[in-house]
Amino acid sequence: MKISKRLLLIIAVLSVGAVFLHKLISSYEEFEQKKIQAKLHKTHSDAIIRAQAGINVYAALVSSIKSYTKNKSAFPEELELQSYLNDILKDIKFNDSIVISYYDNNHIFKYVITPNAIDPMGIKGDSAKLLLGKKRLAEFQMLLKTDDIHLLHPINVKEGWV
């Protein structure tokens, strides 16, 4: 009988210990989950802030180039425009690729400018009609009638990252 009481006492102590240990492990797992969620939320928030900042920089670039071309007595030559682009980019930390494509009313590319090259993909003189297709060209024509800034899928594979 004395052994049974000891055995029951040991079982009771082990049971209480097991419940305590289970609660401790559950609490630790919950804490780790909250840490992971907090880190995920911070990473997500940081990504949104970086994206918004990038869009704001891009909008400022587009606005500046638009103002520059609009306030010239004639549309600037491609070297002038490239020089202007490089002047803007050197003062801001903009490391993304950027291409300025300009084409006439017949959709023939007149200028294709990057910070480091003029017409790097060799499309100057090509027709956007051939590169876009009728449906995409119609969509693009509608966008050209607005003053809004739109982020588009690359227009064609020949330009690549435009």
N, C-alpha and C. Protein backbone atom coordinates (compact mmCIF):
# COMPACT_ATOMS: atom_id res chain seq x y z
N MET A 1 0.81 -1.17 0.00
CA MET A 1 0.00 0.00 0.00
C MET A 1 0.88 1.26 0.00
N LYS A 2 1.99 1.20 0.75
CA LYS A 2 2.91 2.32 0.80
C LYS A 2 3.50 2.58 -0.59
N ILE A 3 3.79 1.53 -1.35
CA ILE A 3 4.35 1.66 -2.69
C ILE A 3 3.32 2.28 -3.62
N SER A 4 2.08 1.91 -3.49
CA SER A 4 1.03 2.45 -4.34
C SER A 4 0.86 3.94 -4.12
N LYS A 5 0.95 4.39 -2.87
CA LYS A 5 0.82 5.83 -2.60
C LYS A 5 1.99 6.57 -3.22
N ARG A 6 3.20 5.99 -3.08
CA ARG A 6 4.37 6.62 -3.69
C ARG A 6 4.23 6.65 -5.21
N LEU A 7 3.77 5.53 -5.76
CA LEU A 7 3.59 5.43 -7.21
C LEU A 7 2.56 6.45 -7.68
N LEU A 8 1.47 6.56 -6.95
CA LEU A 8 0.44 7.54 -7.30
C LEU A 8 0.99 8.98 -7.19
N LEU A 9 1.77 9.23 -6.17
CA LEU A 9 2.37 10.54 -5.98
C LEU A 9 3.33 10.85 -7.13
N ILE A 10 4.15 9.87 -7.52
CA ILE A 10 5.10 10.06 -8.63
C ILE A 10 4.33 10.29 -9.93
N ILE A 11 3.28 9.51 -10.15
CA ILE A 11 2.47 9.68 -11.36
C ILE A 11 1.82 11.06 -11.36
N ALA A 12 1.31 11.50 -10.22
CA ALA A 12 0.67 12.82 -10.11
C ALA A 12 1.69 13.91 -10.39
N VAL A 13 2.88 13.80 -9.80
CA VAL A 13 3.94 14.81 -10.01
C VAL A 13 4.35 14.82 -11.48
N LEU A 14 4.52 13.62 -12.07
CA LEU A 14 4.89 13.54 -13.49
C LEU A 14 3.79 14.13 -14.37
N SER A 15 2.53 13.87 -14.03
CA SER A 15 1.40 14.40 -14.81
C SER A 15 1.38 15.92 -14.75
N VAL A 16 1.52 16.46 -13.55
CA VAL A 16 1.55 17.93 -13.40
C VAL A 16 2.75 18.50 -14.15
N GLY A 17 3.89 17.83 -14.07
CA GLY A 17 5.09 18.26 -14.80
C GLY A 17 4.87 18.22 -16.30
N ALA A 18 4.20 17.16 -16.77
CA ALA A 18 3.92 17.02 -18.21
C ALA A 18 2.98 18.12 -18.69
N VAL A 19 1.96 18.42 -17.90
CA VAL A 19 1.02 19.51 -18.26
C VAL A 19 1.77 20.84 -18.28
N PHE A 20 2.59 21.08 -17.27
CA PHE A 20 3.38 22.32 -17.21
C PHE A 20 4.32 22.42 -18.40
N LEU A 21 5.00 21.32 -18.72
CA LEU A 21 5.93 21.30 -19.85
C LEU A 21 5.19 21.53 -21.17
N HIS A 22 4.02 20.92 -21.31
CA HIS A 22 3.21 21.11 -22.52
C HIS A 22 2.82 22.59 -22.67
N LYS A 23 2.37 23.19 -21.57
CA LYS A 23 2.00 24.61 -21.62
C LYS A 23 3.20 25.48 -21.94
N LEU A 24 4.34 25.15 -21.38
CA LEU A 24 5.58 25.90 -21.64
C LEU A 24 5.97 25.81 -23.11
N ILE A 25 5.91 24.60 -23.67
CA ILE A 25 6.26 24.40 -25.08
C ILE A 25 5.25 25.12 -25.97
N SER A 26 3.96 25.04 -25.66
CA SER A 26 2.92 25.72 -26.43
C SER A 26 3.13 27.22 -26.39
N SER A 27 3.45 27.72 -25.23
CA SER A 27 3.70 29.16 -25.06
C SER A 27 4.89 29.60 -25.90
N TYR A 28 5.95 28.79 -25.89
CA TYR A 28 7.15 29.10 -26.67
C TYR A 28 6.84 29.08 -28.17
N GLU A 29 6.08 28.07 -28.62
CA GLU A 29 5.71 27.99 -30.03
C GLU A 29 4.87 29.19 -30.45
N GLU A 30 3.95 29.60 -29.59
CA GLU A 30 3.11 30.77 -29.86
C GLU A 30 3.97 32.03 -29.95
N PHE A 31 4.91 32.15 -29.05
CA PHE A 31 5.84 33.29 -29.06
C PHE A 31 6.64 33.31 -30.36
N GLU A 32 7.14 32.15 -30.79
CA GLU A 32 7.91 32.06 -32.03
C GLU A 32 7.04 32.41 -33.23
N GLN A 33 5.78 31.95 -33.24
CA GLN A 33 4.85 32.29 -34.32
C GLN A 33 4.62 33.80 -34.39
N LYS A 34 4.45 34.42 -33.23
CA LYS A 34 4.25 35.87 -33.19
C LYS A 34 5.49 36.60 -33.70
N LYS A 35 6.67 36.10 -33.35
CA LYS A 35 7.92 36.69 -33.84
C LYS A 35 8.00 36.58 -35.36
N ILE A 36 7.65 35.41 -35.88
CA ILE A 36 7.69 35.21 -37.34
C ILE A 36 6.68 36.14 -38.01
N GLN A 37 5.48 36.25 -37.45
CA GLN A 37 4.46 37.13 -38.02
C GLN A 37 4.90 38.59 -37.99
N ALA A 38 5.53 38.99 -36.89
CA ALA A 38 6.01 40.37 -36.77
C ALA A 38 7.10 40.65 -37.80
N LYS A 39 8.00 39.70 -37.98
CA LYS A 39 9.07 39.87 -38.97
C LYS A 39 8.49 39.91 -40.39
N LEU A 40 7.53 39.05 -40.66
CA LEU A 40 6.87 39.04 -41.96
C LEU A 40 6.15 40.36 -42.21
N HIS A 41 5.45 40.85 -41.21
CA HIS A 41 4.74 42.14 -41.33
C HIS A 41 5.73 43.28 -41.58
N LYS A 42 6.86 43.28 -40.87
CA LYS A 42 7.87 44.32 -41.06
C LYS A 42 8.46 44.25 -42.46
N THR A 43 8.77 43.04 -42.92
CA THR A 43 9.33 42.87 -44.27
C THR A 43 8.33 43.35 -45.31
N HIS A 44 7.05 43.00 -45.12
CA HIS A 44 6.01 43.43 -46.05
C HIS A 44 5.87 44.96 -46.04
N SER A 45 5.84 45.55 -44.86
CA SER A 45 5.73 47.01 -44.75
C SER A 45 6.92 47.71 -45.39
N ASP A 46 8.12 47.18 -45.16
CA ASP A 46 9.32 47.76 -45.77
C ASP A 46 9.26 47.67 -47.28
N ALA A 47 8.77 46.55 -47.80
CA ALA A 47 8.66 46.37 -49.25
C ALA A 47 7.67 47.37 -49.84
N ILE A 48 6.57 47.59 -49.16
CA ILE A 48 5.58 48.57 -49.63
C ILE A 48 6.18 49.97 -49.63
N ILE A 49 6.90 50.32 -48.59
CA ILE A 49 7.53 51.65 -48.51
C ILE A 49 8.54 51.82 -49.63
N ARG A 50 9.37 50.78 -49.88
CA ARG A 50 10.36 50.86 -50.97
C ARG A 50 9.67 50.98 -52.32
N ALA A 51 8.59 50.23 -52.53
CA ALA A 51 7.86 50.28 -53.80
C ALA A 51 7.25 51.66 -54.01
N GLN A 52 6.65 52.20 -52.96
CA GLN A 52 6.05 53.54 -53.08
C GLN A 52 7.12 54.59 -53.36
N ALA A 53 8.26 54.46 -52.71
CA ALA A 53 9.35 55.41 -52.95
C ALA A 53 9.84 55.28 -54.39
N GLY A 54 9.96 54.05 -54.89
CA GLY A 54 10.39 53.83 -56.27
C GLY A 54 9.41 54.42 -57.26
N ILE A 55 8.13 54.24 -57.00
CA ILE A 55 7.10 54.80 -57.89
C ILE A 55 7.16 56.32 -57.84
N ASN A 56 7.36 56.89 -56.66
CA ASN A 56 7.46 58.35 -56.55
C ASN A 56 8.67 58.89 -57.31
N VAL A 57 9.80 58.19 -57.22
CA VAL A 57 10.99 58.60 -57.97
C VAL A 57 10.72 58.50 -59.47
N TYR A 58 10.11 57.39 -59.88
CA TYR A 58 9.80 57.20 -61.29
C TYR A 58 8.86 58.30 -61.78
N ALA A 59 7.83 58.60 -60.99
CA ALA A 59 6.88 59.66 -61.36
C ALA A 59 7.59 61.01 -61.49
N ALA A 60 8.51 61.28 -60.58
CA ALA A 60 9.27 62.53 -60.65
C ALA A 60 10.14 62.56 -61.90
N LEU A 61 10.76 61.43 -62.24
CA LEU A 61 11.56 61.36 -63.47
C LEU A 61 10.72 61.64 -64.71
N VAL A 62 9.58 60.96 -64.79
CA VAL A 62 8.70 61.13 -65.95
C VAL A 62 8.21 62.58 -66.02
N SER A 63 7.81 63.12 -64.90
CA SER A 63 7.33 64.50 -64.86
C SER A 63 8.42 65.48 -65.28
N SER A 64 9.62 65.25 -64.81
CA SER A 64 10.74 66.14 -65.15
C SER A 64 11.05 66.08 -66.64
N ILE A 65 11.09 64.88 -67.19
CA ILE A 65 11.38 64.72 -68.62
C ILE A 65 10.25 65.32 -69.45
N LYS A 66 9.01 65.11 -69.01
CA LYS A 66 7.86 65.68 -69.71
C LYS A 66 7.95 67.21 -69.72
N SER A 67 8.25 67.78 -68.57
CA SER A 67 8.39 69.23 -68.48
C SER A 67 9.53 69.74 -69.35
N TYR A 68 10.64 69.03 -69.33
CA TYR A 68 11.80 69.42 -70.13
C TYR A 68 11.46 69.45 -71.63
N THR A 69 10.81 68.39 -72.10
CA THR A 69 10.48 68.32 -73.53
C THR A 69 9.39 69.31 -73.90
N LYS A 70 8.45 69.53 -73.00
CA LYS A 70 7.33 70.43 -73.27
C LYS A 70 7.78 71.89 -73.33
N ASN A 71 8.76 72.25 -72.51
CA ASN A 71 9.18 73.65 -72.43
C ASN A 71 10.30 74.01 -73.39
N LYS A 72 10.74 73.07 -74.19
CA LYS A 72 11.73 73.37 -75.23
C LYS A 72 10.99 73.92 -76.44
N SER A 73 11.64 74.79 -77.21
CA SER A 73 10.99 75.33 -78.41
C SER A 73 10.82 74.24 -79.47
N ALA A 74 11.71 73.26 -79.47
CA ALA A 74 11.61 72.11 -80.37
C ALA A 74 11.94 70.87 -79.55
N PHE A 75 11.44 69.72 -79.98
CA PHE A 75 11.72 68.49 -79.24
C PHE A 75 13.23 68.28 -79.23
N PRO A 76 13.82 68.00 -78.06
CA PRO A 76 15.28 67.91 -77.97
C PRO A 76 15.86 66.76 -78.80
N GLU A 77 17.08 66.96 -79.26
CA GLU A 77 17.80 65.89 -79.96
C GLU A 77 18.10 64.78 -78.95
N GLU A 78 18.34 63.59 -79.46
CA GLU A 78 18.51 62.45 -78.57
C GLU A 78 19.71 62.60 -77.63
N LEU A 79 20.79 63.19 -78.08
CA LEU A 79 21.95 63.39 -77.19
C LEU A 79 21.63 64.40 -76.09
N GLU A 80 20.84 65.43 -76.44
CA GLU A 80 20.40 66.40 -75.43
C GLU A 80 19.55 65.72 -74.37
N LEU A 81 18.62 64.91 -74.84
CA LEU A 81 17.71 64.21 -73.92
C LEU A 81 18.47 63.21 -73.05
N GLN A 82 19.43 62.52 -73.64
CA GLN A 82 20.26 61.59 -72.87
C GLN A 82 21.07 62.34 -71.82
N SER A 83 21.62 63.48 -72.20
CA SER A 83 22.39 64.30 -71.26
C SER A 83 21.50 64.76 -70.10
N TYR A 84 20.28 65.20 -70.43
CA TYR A 84 19.33 65.63 -69.40
C TYR A 84 18.99 64.46 -68.47
N LEU A 85 18.73 63.30 -69.06
CA LEU A 85 18.42 62.11 -68.26
C LEU A 85 19.56 61.79 -67.29
N ASN A 86 20.79 61.83 -67.79
CA ASN A 86 21.94 61.54 -66.93
C ASN A 86 22.13 62.59 -65.84
N ASP A 87 21.82 63.85 -66.14
CA ASP A 87 21.89 64.90 -65.11
C ASP A 87 20.91 64.61 -63.98
N ILE A 88 19.71 64.16 -64.33
CA ILE A 88 18.71 63.84 -63.31
C ILE A 88 19.16 62.63 -62.49
N LEU A 89 19.60 61.59 -63.20
CA LEU A 89 19.93 60.33 -62.53
C LEU A 89 21.15 60.43 -61.62
N LYS A 90 22.09 61.31 -61.95
CA LYS A 90 23.30 61.37 -61.12
C LYS A 90 23.02 61.94 -59.73
N ASP A 91 21.94 62.72 -59.61
CA ASP A 91 21.63 63.34 -58.33
C ASP A 91 20.69 62.52 -57.46
N ILE A 92 20.11 61.50 -58.04
CA ILE A 92 19.25 60.62 -57.24
C ILE A 92 19.81 59.21 -57.31
N LYS A 93 19.48 58.42 -56.35
CA LYS A 93 19.98 57.04 -56.34
C LYS A 93 18.96 56.15 -57.05
N PHE A 94 18.95 56.23 -58.37
CA PHE A 94 18.03 55.47 -59.20
C PHE A 94 18.86 54.47 -59.98
N ASN A 95 18.82 53.20 -59.57
CA ASN A 95 19.67 52.19 -60.18
C ASN A 95 18.91 51.26 -61.11
N ASP A 96 17.61 51.50 -61.28
CA ASP A 96 16.83 50.65 -62.17
C ASP A 96 17.12 51.02 -63.62
N SER A 97 16.77 50.11 -64.50
CA SER A 97 16.92 50.37 -65.93
C SER A 97 15.86 51.38 -66.36
N ILE A 98 16.22 52.23 -67.27
CA ILE A 98 15.26 53.19 -67.82
C ILE A 98 15.57 53.41 -69.28
N VAL A 99 14.51 53.46 -70.07
CA VAL A 99 14.62 53.71 -71.50
C VAL A 99 13.58 54.75 -71.86
N ILE A 100 13.98 55.71 -72.64
CA ILE A 100 13.03 56.68 -73.18
C ILE A 100 12.87 56.34 -74.65
N SER A 101 11.65 55.99 -75.03
CA SER A 101 11.35 55.70 -76.43
C SER A 101 10.44 56.80 -76.95
N TYR A 102 10.78 57.33 -78.10
CA TYR A 102 9.96 58.36 -78.71
C TYR A 102 9.73 57.97 -80.16
N TYR A 103 8.47 58.01 -80.58
CA TYR A 103 8.21 57.75 -81.99
C TYR A 103 7.22 58.77 -82.52
N ASP A 104 7.22 58.91 -83.86
CA ASP A 104 6.41 59.94 -84.51
C ASP A 104 4.96 59.48 -84.68
N ASN A 105 4.16 60.30 -85.38
CA ASN A 105 2.74 59.99 -85.57
C ASN A 105 2.50 58.72 -86.37
N ASN A 106 3.48 58.31 -87.13
CA ASN A 106 3.36 57.06 -87.91
C ASN A 106 3.87 55.86 -87.11
N HIS A 107 4.19 56.08 -85.85
CA HIS A 107 4.66 55.04 -84.94
C HIS A 107 6.03 54.48 -85.33
N ILE A 108 6.84 55.31 -85.95
CA ILE A 108 8.21 54.93 -86.27
C ILE A 108 9.10 55.43 -85.14
N PHE A 109 9.90 54.55 -84.54
CA PHE A 109 10.78 54.96 -83.44
C PHE A 109 11.82 55.94 -83.95
N LYS A 110 11.85 57.12 -83.33
CA LYS A 110 12.82 58.16 -83.67
C LYS A 110 13.99 58.15 -82.69
N TYR A 111 13.67 58.00 -81.41
CA TYR A 111 14.69 57.96 -80.36
C TYR A 111 14.46 56.73 -79.50
N VAL A 112 15.52 56.10 -79.08
CA VAL A 112 15.49 55.09 -78.03
C VAL A 112 16.75 55.36 -77.21
N ILE A 113 16.54 55.88 -76.01
CA ILE A 113 17.65 56.39 -75.21
C ILE A 113 17.71 55.68 -73.86
N THR A 114 18.90 55.23 -73.49
CA THR A 114 19.16 54.75 -72.14
C THR A 114 20.24 55.68 -71.57
N PRO A 115 20.50 55.62 -70.28
CA PRO A 115 21.55 56.49 -69.75
C PRO A 115 22.92 56.27 -70.40
N ASN A 116 23.19 55.04 -70.85
CA ASN A 116 24.52 54.72 -71.36
C ASN A 116 24.60 54.49 -72.86
N ALA A 117 23.48 54.48 -73.54
CA ALA A 117 23.53 54.15 -74.97
C ALA A 117 22.37 54.80 -75.72
N ILE A 118 22.59 55.02 -76.99
CA ILE A 118 21.55 55.45 -77.90
C ILE A 118 21.16 54.23 -78.73
N ASP A 119 19.87 53.91 -78.72
CA ASP A 119 19.32 52.79 -79.49
C ASP A 119 20.07 51.47 -79.25
N PRO A 120 20.19 51.02 -78.01
CA PRO A 120 20.96 49.80 -77.73
C PRO A 120 20.37 48.53 -78.36
N MET A 121 19.06 48.50 -78.59
CA MET A 121 18.44 47.30 -79.14
C MET A 121 18.21 47.40 -80.65
N GLY A 122 18.65 48.51 -81.26
CA GLY A 122 18.57 48.64 -82.71
C GLY A 122 17.16 48.74 -83.26
N ILE A 123 16.26 49.46 -82.57
CA ILE A 123 14.90 49.57 -83.09
C ILE A 123 14.60 50.94 -83.69
N LYS A 124 15.54 51.83 -83.66
CA LYS A 124 15.34 53.15 -84.25
C LYS A 124 15.01 52.95 -85.73
N GLY A 125 13.91 53.54 -86.16
CA GLY A 125 13.47 53.38 -87.55
C GLY A 125 12.44 52.27 -87.71
N ASP A 126 12.27 51.40 -86.70
CA ASP A 126 11.26 50.34 -86.76
C ASP A 126 9.88 50.92 -86.44
N SER A 127 8.86 50.23 -86.86
CA SER A 127 7.49 50.64 -86.60
C SER A 127 6.94 49.94 -85.36
N ALA A 128 6.36 50.73 -84.48
CA ALA A 128 5.72 50.15 -83.29
C ALA A 128 4.51 49.32 -83.70
N LYS A 129 3.91 49.63 -84.83
CA LYS A 129 2.75 48.86 -85.31
C LYS A 129 3.14 47.40 -85.51
N LEU A 130 4.33 47.17 -86.01
CA LEU A 130 4.78 45.79 -86.24
C LEU A 130 5.12 45.10 -84.92
N LEU A 131 5.63 45.86 -83.99
CA LEU A 131 6.07 45.27 -82.72
C LEU A 131 4.91 45.03 -81.75
N LEU A 132 3.87 45.87 -81.81
CA LEU A 132 2.79 45.80 -80.84
C LEU A 132 1.61 44.93 -81.26
N GLY A 133 1.21 45.01 -82.49
CA GLY A 133 -0.04 44.39 -82.90
C GLY A 133 -1.16 45.39 -82.72
N LYS A 134 -2.27 45.18 -83.44
CA LYS A 134 -3.37 46.17 -83.47
C LYS A 134 -4.00 46.42 -82.10
N LYS A 135 -4.26 45.35 -81.35
CA LYS A 135 -4.95 45.50 -80.05
C LYS A 135 -4.09 46.28 -79.06
N ARG A 136 -2.82 45.90 -78.93
CA ARG A 136 -1.92 46.60 -78.00
C ARG A 136 -1.68 48.04 -78.44
N LEU A 137 -1.61 48.27 -79.75
CA LEU A 137 -1.40 49.62 -80.26
C LEU A 137 -2.61 50.49 -79.92
N ALA A 138 -3.82 49.94 -80.04
CA ALA A 138 -5.04 50.69 -79.68
C ALA A 138 -5.03 51.04 -78.19
N GLU A 139 -4.65 50.09 -77.34
CA GLU A 139 -4.55 50.35 -75.89
C GLU A 139 -3.53 51.44 -75.62
N PHE A 140 -2.40 51.33 -76.29
CA PHE A 140 -1.32 52.31 -76.10
C PHE A 140 -1.76 53.70 -76.56
N GLN A 141 -2.49 53.76 -77.68
CA GLN A 141 -2.99 55.05 -78.18
C GLN A 141 -3.91 55.71 -77.16
N MET A 142 -4.75 54.91 -76.50
CA MET A 142 -5.65 55.45 -75.47
C MET A 142 -4.83 56.02 -74.30
N LEU A 143 -3.77 55.33 -73.92
CA LEU A 143 -2.94 55.82 -72.82
C LEU A 143 -2.24 57.12 -73.18
N LEU A 144 -1.86 57.27 -74.42
CA LEU A 144 -1.17 58.49 -74.85
C LEU A 144 -2.07 59.71 -74.79
N LYS A 145 -3.37 59.51 -74.72
CA LYS A 145 -4.32 60.63 -74.67
C LYS A 145 -4.55 61.12 -73.25
N THR A 146 -3.95 60.45 -72.26
CA THR A 146 -4.13 60.86 -70.87
C THR A 146 -2.83 61.48 -70.34
N ASP A 147 -2.96 62.23 -69.27
CA ASP A 147 -1.79 62.80 -68.62
C ASP A 147 -1.32 61.93 -67.46
N ASP A 148 -2.02 60.83 -67.23
CA ASP A 148 -1.69 59.96 -66.12
C ASP A 148 -0.43 59.16 -66.41
N ILE A 149 0.21 58.71 -65.34
CA ILE A 149 1.37 57.84 -65.46
C ILE A 149 0.88 56.42 -65.28
N HIS A 150 1.26 55.55 -66.21
CA HIS A 150 0.84 54.15 -66.15
C HIS A 150 2.07 53.26 -66.21
N LEU A 151 2.07 52.22 -65.39
CA LEU A 151 3.11 51.21 -65.48
C LEU A 151 2.59 50.12 -66.40
N LEU A 152 3.33 49.83 -67.44
CA LEU A 152 2.89 48.88 -68.46
C LEU A 152 3.76 47.64 -68.48
N HIS A 153 3.19 46.57 -69.02
CA HIS A 153 4.01 45.40 -69.33
C HIS A 153 4.96 45.81 -70.44
N PRO A 154 6.09 45.15 -70.57
CA PRO A 154 6.98 45.50 -71.68
C PRO A 154 6.21 45.49 -73.00
N ILE A 155 6.48 46.51 -73.81
CA ILE A 155 5.72 46.67 -75.04
C ILE A 155 6.04 45.55 -76.03
N ASN A 156 7.27 45.15 -76.08
CA ASN A 156 7.62 44.09 -77.03
C ASN A 156 8.89 43.41 -76.57
N VAL A 157 9.15 42.27 -77.17
CA VAL A 157 10.33 41.51 -76.75
C VAL A 157 11.61 42.08 -77.32
N LYS A 158 11.53 42.82 -78.40
CA LYS A 158 12.74 43.36 -79.00
C LYS A 158 13.35 44.43 -78.09
N GLU A 159 12.49 45.27 -77.52
CA GLU A 159 13.01 46.29 -76.60
C GLU A 159 13.44 45.66 -75.28
N GLY A 160 12.83 44.55 -74.94
CA GLY A 160 13.22 43.87 -73.71
C GLY A 160 12.65 44.52 -72.48
N TRP A 161 13.44 45.31 -71.78
CA TRP A 161 13.03 45.80 -70.47
C TRP A 161 12.39 47.18 -70.52
N VAL A 162 11.91 47.62 -71.65
CA VAL A 162 11.24 48.94 -71.72
C VAL A 162 9.93 48.86 -70.98
